[in-house]
C-alpha cells in the first residue's frame, strides 16, 4: 500500500455538452481533427456529470483505470494518447523550469477512477464528459497548465467542448498538426438564463453503431457529408453564434432542428446506412413540430446525437407545458413518480386544443424518463478528500466495486 505522503490524488468533475451544430467525420483519424467546426451547449453538472480521480504514486507498478467500478484496459489507444500528451506537457513544463517544484515524478504510474451519473454510450455524450474530465484531472495532478483542447480531443473529439461552460465552439482549424483545432467559449453559462434543456431518455442501451466506426464509414461513403462540411456548416456556425449572442430563440430552435436532421440524413446517406433514431425518436420530432404549430411560433427544439434520445431546448416559461405534453403522448408505465428527474417542474394540464392539434395516440413507456436541466459551467476541482473515488491504497473505494 502506498504511504500517504507518496500518493498524490486529485478529483474533478466535467459536464456533458450537446452539439447544436454537429461534428461528424474526421479529416485526421489519429489527431482527431474534424471535417467541420461545431458548436455546443454545456449542460449543468447537477444533473449530468463525470467525476474522475487520478492518483500518482511511486509505489504503483503500472497505470490502471476503472470506469463505473469496472477495471478497463489501460492500453486503449485513446486513453494512452491522453496520458502521453499530458506527460509530454508535464515534461516540457519541467524542462523549462516553470512553476513550483513538481511533486509527482514523471516516472510514477497513475491510477484513474471515473464514474458517470447518467447512462454511458447511449448517445448522451458520455465520452465527451469522460475524456474532458480525464484531461482536466490529469492536468491538475501532473501540474500542467494552459489550453487542454488537444489532450481532450485526442480522447474524444467533442470532449474539447466540455472543457468550457456555456456555449462553446470547436474550431476545426487548418493546420496539419492540429494545433489550431481548439475549443473556445462563445458565451458564458450566465448569458441566457431562461434557456432550459430536457433530455428525453428513450433508451439507455448501448447504441448499435459506435460513433467512431459510424464516422469512418460516413467519411468514406457519404457525398452529403462532404457537401455539408464544406458548403453549409461555415455559414451555419456564424448564424448559430449570432442567435446565441442575441438570445434569438425562434431562429436558434429552427437552426438546431435543421442541423440535427441534416446530421441524421448524412447517416442515412452513409453506405450501408446508419440509423440512430427509432420510432419513438421520430414521434418526438412530430410532437415538437405540432406543439410549435399549435403556438404559431418556435417554442421548442429537438436535437439528436448518435442515439435515439432527444435533447429538447426551450425557455423556462414553456417547460411545464411541454413536459405535460410529453407525459400525455408517452404516459409513464410504472415509474410515474420517477418519470421526471433533475430540476423541479410544476405539473400543468394539457389543453384540449393542444391535444386536438397533436392528434397523437399515446404510446405508454415510449419515453423512459425526462432529465430537466439547464446550461452549466465547465470542469470543477473537488477539494473535499472524501470525494476521491480512490482510497489511500490507490484502489476504488468499496462503494464503487463492480
Protein backbone atom coordinates (compact mmCIF):
# COMPACT_ATOMS: atom_id res chain seq x y z
CA UNK A 1 0.00 0.00 0.00
CA UNK A 2 1.34 3.47 -0.89
CA UNK A 3 2.21 5.68 2.04
CA UNK A 4 0.01 8.77 2.38
CA UNK A 5 2.93 11.03 1.54
CA UNK A 6 3.76 9.20 -1.68
CA UNK A 7 0.23 9.32 -3.09
CA UNK A 8 -0.97 12.50 -4.81
CA UNK A 9 -4.67 12.45 -5.73
CA UNK A 10 -6.96 14.97 -7.45
CA UNK A 11 -10.71 14.66 -8.11
CA UNK A 12 -12.59 16.72 -10.70
CA UNK A 13 -15.96 16.79 -12.41
CA UNK A 14 -16.77 17.66 -16.03
CA UNK A 15 -20.01 18.33 -17.89
CA UNK A 16 -21.83 16.81 -20.85
CA UNK A 17 -22.14 19.03 -23.92
CA UNK A 18 -24.80 18.77 -26.62
CA UNK A 19 -23.93 19.99 -30.11
CA UNK A 20 -26.41 22.27 -31.89
CA UNK A 21 -24.12 22.34 -34.96
CA UNK A 22 -22.91 18.76 -35.20
CA UNK A 23 -19.44 17.27 -35.53
CA UNK A 24 -19.41 14.12 -37.65
CA UNK A 25 -16.37 12.88 -39.51
CA UNK A 26 -12.62 13.41 -39.18
CA UNK A 27 -10.02 14.62 -41.65
CA UNK A 28 -7.29 13.03 -39.50
CA UNK A 29 -8.10 9.88 -37.52
CA UNK A 30 -5.01 9.85 -35.34
CA UNK A 31 -5.07 13.51 -34.24
CA UNK A 32 -8.89 13.54 -34.25
CA UNK A 33 -9.25 16.61 -36.44
CA UNK A 34 -12.82 17.28 -37.60
CA UNK A 35 -14.15 17.82 -41.12
CA UNK A 36 -16.03 20.88 -39.87
CA UNK A 37 -16.33 23.21 -36.89
CA UNK A 38 -19.11 22.59 -34.34
CA UNK A 39 -20.96 24.44 -31.61
CA UNK A 40 -22.41 23.07 -28.39
CA UNK A 41 -24.28 23.88 -25.20
CA UNK A 42 -22.71 22.74 -21.91
CA UNK A 43 -25.24 21.12 -19.55
CA UNK A 44 -25.39 21.65 -15.79
CA UNK A 45 -23.35 19.22 -13.70
CA UNK A 46 -26.01 18.94 -11.01
CA UNK A 47 -27.85 16.67 -13.46
CA UNK A 48 -25.20 15.18 -15.77
CA UNK A 49 -21.52 14.89 -14.99
CA UNK A 50 -18.48 12.66 -14.97
CA UNK A 51 -16.39 12.50 -11.77
CA UNK A 52 -12.76 11.40 -12.08
CA UNK A 53 -9.99 10.79 -9.55
CA UNK A 54 -6.37 10.50 -10.68
CA UNK A 55 -3.75 9.33 -8.18
CA UNK A 56 0.00 9.16 -8.72
CA UNK A 57 2.37 7.16 -6.54
CA UNK A 58 5.91 5.81 -6.83
CA UNK A 59 4.51 2.62 -5.26
CA UNK A 60 2.19 1.86 -8.22
CA UNK A 61 3.65 -0.79 -10.51
CA UNK A 62 1.53 0.10 -13.57
CA UNK A 63 -1.08 2.54 -14.91
CA UNK A 64 -4.64 1.34 -14.18
CA UNK A 65 -8.15 2.67 -14.88
CA UNK A 66 -11.66 1.89 -13.59
CA UNK A 67 -14.83 3.14 -15.31
CA UNK A 68 -18.08 2.98 -13.35
CA UNK A 69 -16.47 0.49 -10.95
CA UNK A 70 -15.08 -1.93 -13.57
CA UNK A 71 -11.40 -2.11 -14.46
CA UNK A 72 -10.80 -1.35 -18.14
CA UNK A 73 -7.87 -1.90 -20.49
CA UNK A 74 -5.43 0.92 -19.81
CA UNK A 75 -3.76 0.26 -23.19
CA UNK A 76 -6.84 1.55 -25.01
CA UNK A 77 -5.29 3.80 -27.73
CA UNK A 78 -7.25 6.98 -26.99
CA UNK A 79 -6.60 6.72 -23.27
CA UNK A 80 -2.91 6.27 -23.99
CA UNK A 81 -2.97 9.28 -26.34
CA UNK A 82 -4.29 11.48 -23.49
CA UNK A 83 -1.78 10.13 -20.98
CA UNK A 84 1.15 10.56 -23.38
CA UNK A 85 0.13 14.14 -24.21
CA UNK A 86 -0.25 15.15 -20.53
CA UNK A 87 3.10 13.57 -19.61
CA UNK A 88 4.73 15.29 -22.60
CA UNK A 89 3.35 18.68 -21.46
CA UNK A 90 4.45 17.99 -17.86
CA UNK A 91 7.95 17.10 -19.06
CA UNK A 92 8.09 20.24 -21.20
CA UNK A 93 7.00 22.41 -18.26
CA UNK A 94 9.56 20.77 -16.01
CA UNK A 95 12.36 21.24 -18.54
CA UNK A 96 11.60 24.96 -18.88
CA UNK A 97 11.59 25.27 -15.08
CA UNK A 98 8.15 26.89 -14.91
CA UNK A 99 6.06 26.99 -11.76
CA UNK A 100 6.62 25.47 -8.34
CA UNK A 101 8.85 22.48 -7.75
CA UNK A 102 6.89 19.46 -9.04
CA UNK A 103 5.62 16.89 -6.57
CA UNK A 104 4.89 13.80 -8.68
CA UNK A 105 7.73 12.19 -10.58
CA UNK A 106 7.03 11.63 -14.27
CA UNK A 107 8.15 8.02 -13.92
CA UNK A 108 5.41 7.36 -11.33
CA UNK A 109 2.41 5.36 -12.51
CA UNK A 110 -1.14 6.71 -12.34
CA UNK A 111 -4.42 5.12 -11.21
CA UNK A 112 -7.66 6.62 -12.56
CA UNK A 113 -11.27 6.00 -11.48
CA UNK A 114 -14.19 7.60 -13.29
CA UNK A 115 -17.97 7.43 -12.83
CA UNK A 116 -20.90 8.90 -14.78
CA UNK A 117 -24.19 9.78 -13.12
CA UNK A 118 -26.05 9.08 -16.39
CA UNK A 119 -26.22 6.20 -18.96
CA UNK A 120 -22.94 5.51 -20.77
CA UNK A 121 -22.64 5.00 -24.57
CA UNK A 122 -26.35 5.73 -25.12
CA UNK A 123 -25.90 8.87 -27.21
CA UNK A 124 -25.74 11.22 -24.20
CA UNK A 125 -22.17 12.39 -24.86
CA UNK A 126 -20.62 10.28 -22.13
CA UNK A 127 -17.27 10.03 -23.91
CA UNK A 128 -17.09 13.85 -24.22
CA UNK A 129 -17.63 14.34 -20.49
CA UNK A 130 -15.37 11.38 -19.68
CA UNK A 131 -12.33 12.46 -21.68
CA UNK A 132 -12.74 16.13 -20.74
CA UNK A 133 -12.74 15.07 -17.11
CA UNK A 134 -9.74 12.78 -17.66
CA UNK A 135 -7.73 15.55 -19.36
CA UNK A 136 -8.67 18.13 -16.73
CA UNK A 137 -7.91 15.81 -13.78
CA UNK A 138 -4.61 14.53 -15.19
CA UNK A 139 -3.56 18.13 -15.88
CA UNK A 140 -4.19 19.01 -12.23
CA UNK A 141 -2.36 16.00 -10.82
CA UNK A 142 0.62 16.50 -13.21
CA UNK A 143 0.53 20.29 -12.70
CA UNK A 144 0.02 21.07 -16.39
CA UNK A 145 -1.47 24.46 -17.26
CA UNK A 146 -2.87 26.05 -20.40
CA UNK A 147 -5.39 25.01 -23.04
CA UNK A 148 -6.26 21.32 -22.80
CA UNK A 149 -8.22 21.16 -26.07
CA UNK A 150 -5.62 18.95 -27.71
CA UNK A 151 -5.41 16.50 -24.80
CA UNK A 152 -9.19 16.08 -24.50
CA UNK A 153 -9.63 15.96 -28.29
CA UNK A 154 -7.20 13.04 -28.57
CA UNK A 155 -9.56 11.04 -26.36
CA UNK A 156 -12.86 12.07 -27.95
CA UNK A 157 -13.23 14.90 -30.42
CA UNK A 158 -16.21 16.56 -28.77
CA UNK A 159 -14.53 16.30 -25.34
CA UNK A 160 -12.67 19.56 -26.03
CA UNK A 161 -16.04 21.35 -25.95
CA UNK A 162 -16.70 20.04 -22.41
CA UNK A 163 -13.67 21.98 -21.13
CA UNK A 164 -15.79 25.14 -21.02
CA UNK A 165 -19.18 26.12 -19.65
CA UNK A 166 -21.93 27.92 -21.51
CA UNK A 167 -21.84 27.91 -25.32
CA UNK A 168 -18.71 26.51 -26.92
CA UNK A 169 -17.26 26.44 -30.42
CA UNK A 170 -14.80 23.77 -31.56
CA UNK A 171 -12.82 25.42 -34.33
CA UNK A 172 -11.84 22.82 -36.93
CA UNK A 173 -8.55 24.59 -37.63
CA UNK A 174 -6.45 24.39 -40.79
CA UNK A 175 -3.04 23.16 -39.64
CA UNK A 176 -2.00 19.58 -40.32
CA UNK A 177 -0.62 19.22 -36.78
CA UNK A 178 -3.99 20.23 -35.28
CA UNK A 179 -2.57 22.96 -33.05
CA UNK A 180 -5.35 25.34 -34.14
CA UNK A 181 -8.16 22.78 -33.70
CA UNK A 182 -9.27 24.08 -30.31
CA UNK A 183 -12.38 24.86 -28.29
CA UNK A 184 -13.32 28.38 -27.23
CA UNK A 185 -16.26 29.81 -25.31
CA UNK A 186 -18.79 31.74 -27.40
CA UNK A 187 -20.82 32.89 -24.36
CA UNK A 188 -20.68 32.04 -20.63
CA UNK A 189 -23.26 29.91 -18.80
CA UNK A 190 -24.87 33.05 -17.33
CA UNK A 191 -25.54 34.52 -20.79
CA UNK A 192 -29.01 33.04 -21.46
CA UNK A 193 -30.58 32.28 -18.04
CA UNK A 194 -34.03 31.48 -19.47
CA UNK A 195 -32.76 28.59 -21.62
CA UNK A 196 -33.77 25.12 -20.39
CA UNK A 197 -32.82 21.64 -21.55
CA UNK A 198 -34.91 18.46 -21.32
CA UNK A 199 -33.37 15.09 -22.09
CA UNK A 200 -35.98 12.55 -23.15
CA UNK A 201 -34.42 9.16 -22.47
CA UNK A 202 -35.89 6.74 -24.99
CA UNK A 203 -33.30 4.02 -24.42
CA UNK A 204 -30.35 3.72 -22.06
CA UNK A 205 -28.98 0.79 -24.09
CA UNK A 206 -25.58 0.95 -25.76
CA UNK A 207 -26.03 2.17 -29.34
CA UNK A 208 -25.61 -0.48 -32.09
CA UNK A 209 -23.10 1.53 -34.18
CA UNK A 210 -20.41 3.37 -32.20
CA UNK A 211 -19.68 6.95 -33.22
CA UNK A 212 -16.07 6.24 -34.26
CA UNK A 213 -16.99 3.45 -36.70
CA UNK A 214 -20.05 5.38 -37.91
CA UNK A 215 -17.97 8.46 -38.71
CA UNK A 216 -15.34 6.47 -40.60
CA UNK A 217 -18.00 4.86 -42.80
CA UNK A 218 -19.71 8.21 -43.43
CA UNK A 219 -16.42 9.88 -44.45
CA UNK A 220 -15.72 7.04 -46.88
CA UNK A 221 -19.19 6.78 -48.46
CA UNK A 222 -21.36 9.90 -47.95
CA UNK A 223 -21.17 12.67 -50.56
CA UNK A 224 -23.72 14.61 -48.49
CA UNK A 225 -21.31 14.68 -45.51
CA UNK A 226 -18.58 16.32 -47.61
CA UNK A 227 -21.02 18.86 -49.07
CA UNK A 228 -22.39 19.66 -45.60
CA UNK A 229 -18.91 20.21 -44.11
CA UNK A 230 -17.64 22.43 -46.92
CA UNK A 231 -20.69 24.30 -48.21
CA UNK A 232 -23.16 24.57 -45.31
CA UNK A 233 -21.53 24.46 -41.89
CA UNK A 234 -19.39 27.65 -42.05
CA UNK A 235 -22.43 29.93 -42.54
CA UNK A 236 -24.44 27.87 -40.06
CA UNK A 237 -21.75 28.32 -37.39
CA UNK A 238 -21.83 32.11 -37.82
CA UNK A 239 -25.63 32.19 -37.71
CA UNK A 240 -25.80 29.97 -34.61
CA UNK A 241 -23.28 32.16 -32.78
CA UNK A 242 -25.41 35.21 -33.67
CA UNK A 243 -28.60 33.50 -32.37
CA UNK A 244 -26.87 32.77 -29.07
CA UNK A 245 -25.40 36.25 -28.70
CA UNK A 246 -28.80 37.85 -29.39
CA UNK A 247 -30.77 35.18 -27.49
CA UNK A 248 -32.91 34.70 -30.61
CA UNK A 249 -34.75 31.53 -29.58
CA UNK A 250 -37.03 31.02 -32.66
CA UNK A 251 -34.07 31.10 -35.05
CA UNK A 252 -31.87 29.10 -32.62
CA UNK A 253 -34.62 26.45 -32.46
CA UNK A 254 -35.06 26.21 -36.22
CA UNK A 255 -31.32 26.01 -36.90
CA UNK A 256 -30.81 23.40 -34.15
CA UNK A 257 -33.51 21.12 -35.60
CA UNK A 258 -32.35 21.57 -39.19
CA UNK A 259 -28.78 20.71 -38.25
CA UNK A 260 -29.87 17.62 -36.31
CA UNK A 261 -31.99 16.45 -39.25
CA UNK A 262 -29.12 17.01 -41.66
CA UNK A 263 -26.70 15.05 -39.46
CA UNK A 264 -29.09 12.08 -39.44
CA UNK A 265 -29.59 12.50 -43.20
CA UNK A 266 -25.82 12.05 -43.66
CA UNK A 267 -26.09 8.87 -41.55
CA UNK A 268 -28.77 7.58 -43.95
CA UNK A 269 -26.62 8.70 -46.90
CA UNK A 270 -23.81 6.55 -45.49
CA UNK A 271 -23.47 3.11 -47.12
CA UNK A 272 -24.57 0.81 -45.62
CA UNK A 273 -26.92 3.32 -43.97
CA UNK A 274 -26.72 4.09 -40.24
CA UNK A 275 -29.88 4.80 -38.27
CA UNK A 276 -29.57 6.10 -34.72
CA UNK A 277 -33.20 7.20 -34.45
CA UNK A 278 -36.07 4.83 -33.67
CA UNK A 279 -39.87 5.12 -33.95
CA UNK A 280 -40.11 6.96 -30.61
CA UNK A 281 -37.42 9.44 -31.72
CA UNK A 282 -39.46 10.22 -34.84
CA UNK A 283 -42.67 10.59 -32.81
CA UNK A 284 -40.90 13.11 -30.56
CA UNK A 285 -39.92 15.11 -33.67
CA UNK A 286 -43.55 15.05 -34.81
CA UNK A 287 -44.71 16.11 -31.34
CA UNK A 288 -42.30 19.08 -31.30
CA UNK A 289 -43.43 20.33 -34.72
CA UNK A 290 -47.12 20.02 -33.82
CA UNK A 291 -46.54 21.72 -30.45
CA UNK A 292 -44.85 24.64 -32.26
CA UNK A 293 -47.65 24.76 -34.88
CA UNK A 294 -50.25 24.95 -32.12
CA UNK A 295 -48.49 28.00 -30.65
CA UNK A 296 -47.82 29.60 -34.03
CA UNK A 297 -44.07 30.03 -33.45
CA UNK A 298 -40.95 28.15 -32.33
CA UNK A 299 -41.23 27.39 -28.62
CA UNK A 300 -39.38 24.06 -28.53
CA UNK A 301 -36.48 22.50 -30.48
CA UNK A 302 -35.12 18.95 -30.64
CA UNK A 303 -31.66 17.66 -31.42
CA UNK A 304 -30.43 14.07 -31.53
CA UNK A 305 -26.82 12.95 -31.28
CA UNK A 306 -25.71 9.44 -32.29
CA UNK A 307 -28.54 7.73 -30.40
CA UNK A 308 -32.34 7.69 -30.05
CA UNK A 309 -32.54 10.03 -27.04
CA UNK A 310 -33.93 13.51 -27.68
CA UNK A 311 -32.43 16.67 -26.26
CA UNK A 312 -35.03 19.42 -26.12
CA UNK A 313 -34.25 23.13 -25.89
CA UNK A 314 -36.92 25.54 -24.69
CA UNK A 315 -37.36 28.57 -22.45
CA UNK A 316 -38.30 28.46 -18.76
CA UNK A 317 -41.89 29.64 -19.41
CA UNK A 318 -42.58 26.67 -21.72
CA UNK A 319 -41.02 23.81 -19.72
CA UNK A 320 -44.12 22.88 -17.68
CA UNK A 321 -46.48 22.72 -20.67
CA UNK A 322 -44.04 20.73 -22.79
CA UNK A 323 -43.30 18.20 -20.01
CA UNK A 324 -47.06 17.75 -19.56
CA UNK A 325 -47.38 17.22 -23.33
CA UNK A 326 -44.66 14.55 -23.33
CA UNK A 327 -46.38 12.87 -20.38
CA UNK A 328 -49.66 12.93 -22.36
CA UNK A 329 -48.18 11.36 -25.52
CA UNK A 330 -45.79 8.98 -23.70
CA UNK A 331 -47.56 8.12 -20.43
CA UNK A 332 -45.18 6.65 -17.83
CA UNK A 333 -45.76 2.93 -17.37
CA UNK A 334 -44.95 2.16 -13.74
CA UNK A 335 -42.47 4.80 -12.59
CA UNK A 336 -44.70 7.87 -12.71
CA UNK A 337 -43.03 9.31 -9.63
CA UNK A 338 -39.55 8.87 -11.16
CA UNK A 339 -40.52 9.98 -14.66
CA UNK A 340 -39.08 13.48 -14.14
CA UNK A 341 -35.55 13.87 -12.76
CA UNK A 342 -33.39 16.94 -12.23
CA UNK A 343 -34.86 20.41 -11.92
CA UNK A 344 -38.40 20.52 -10.46
CA UNK A 345 -41.24 21.21 -12.92
CA UNK A 346 -44.72 22.26 -11.76
CA UNK A 347 -47.41 19.93 -13.19
CA UNK A 348 -49.91 21.66 -15.51
CA UNK A 349 -52.84 20.31 -17.57
CA UNK A 350 -52.65 19.91 -21.37
CA UNK A 351 -55.41 21.92 -23.05
CA UNK A 352 -58.00 20.15 -25.21
CA UNK A 353 -56.99 22.42 -28.11
CA UNK A 354 -53.36 21.27 -27.87
CA UNK A 355 -54.43 17.61 -27.63
CA UNK A 356 -56.50 18.12 -30.78
CA UNK A 357 -53.54 19.68 -32.64
CA UNK A 358 -51.23 16.87 -31.56
CA UNK A 359 -53.71 14.18 -32.70
CA UNK A 360 -51.31 11.51 -31.44
CA UNK A 361 -52.25 8.18 -29.89
CA UNK A 362 -50.49 7.70 -26.53
CA UNK A 363 -47.52 5.30 -26.50
CA UNK A 364 -47.11 4.17 -22.87
CA UNK A 365 -43.47 3.83 -21.83
CA UNK A 366 -42.09 5.25 -25.10
CA UNK A 367 -40.06 7.75 -23.08
CA UNK A 368 -38.48 6.09 -20.04
CA UNK A 369 -37.84 9.32 -18.14
CA UNK A 370 -37.02 13.01 -18.55
CA UNK A 371 -33.97 14.82 -17.14
CA UNK A 372 -34.69 18.53 -16.68
CA UNK A 373 -31.55 20.66 -16.66
CA UNK A 374 -30.06 23.98 -17.81
CA UNK A 375 -26.85 25.50 -19.15
CA UNK A 376 -23.91 24.92 -16.82
CA UNK A 377 -20.25 25.58 -16.06
CA UNK A 378 -17.07 23.84 -17.17
CA UNK A 379 -14.93 21.36 -15.19
CA UNK A 380 -14.51 21.80 -11.43
CA UNK A 381 -11.94 20.60 -8.88
CA UNK A 382 -13.46 18.93 -5.80
CA UNK A 383 -11.41 19.94 -2.77
CA UNK A 384 -13.10 17.53 -0.34
CA UNK A 385 -10.84 14.44 0.15
CA UNK A 386 -14.00 12.39 0.81
CA UNK A 387 -14.93 12.96 -2.84
CA UNK A 388 -11.98 10.84 -4.04
CA UNK A 389 -13.08 7.70 -5.87
CA UNK A 390 -9.78 6.00 -4.97
CA UNK A 391 -8.79 5.07 -1.42
CA UNK A 392 -5.38 5.58 0.22
CA UNK A 393 -4.28 2.28 -1.38
CA UNK A 394 -4.95 3.69 -4.85
CA UNK A 395 -7.82 1.26 -5.47
CA UNK A 396 -11.53 2.13 -5.96
CA UNK A 397 -13.38 2.68 -2.70
CA UNK A 398 -15.71 -0.24 -1.81
CA UNK A 399 -18.90 1.54 -2.91
CA UNK A 400 -17.52 1.60 -6.46
CA UNK A 401 -16.56 -2.05 -6.65
CA UNK A 402 -18.10 -3.88 -9.61
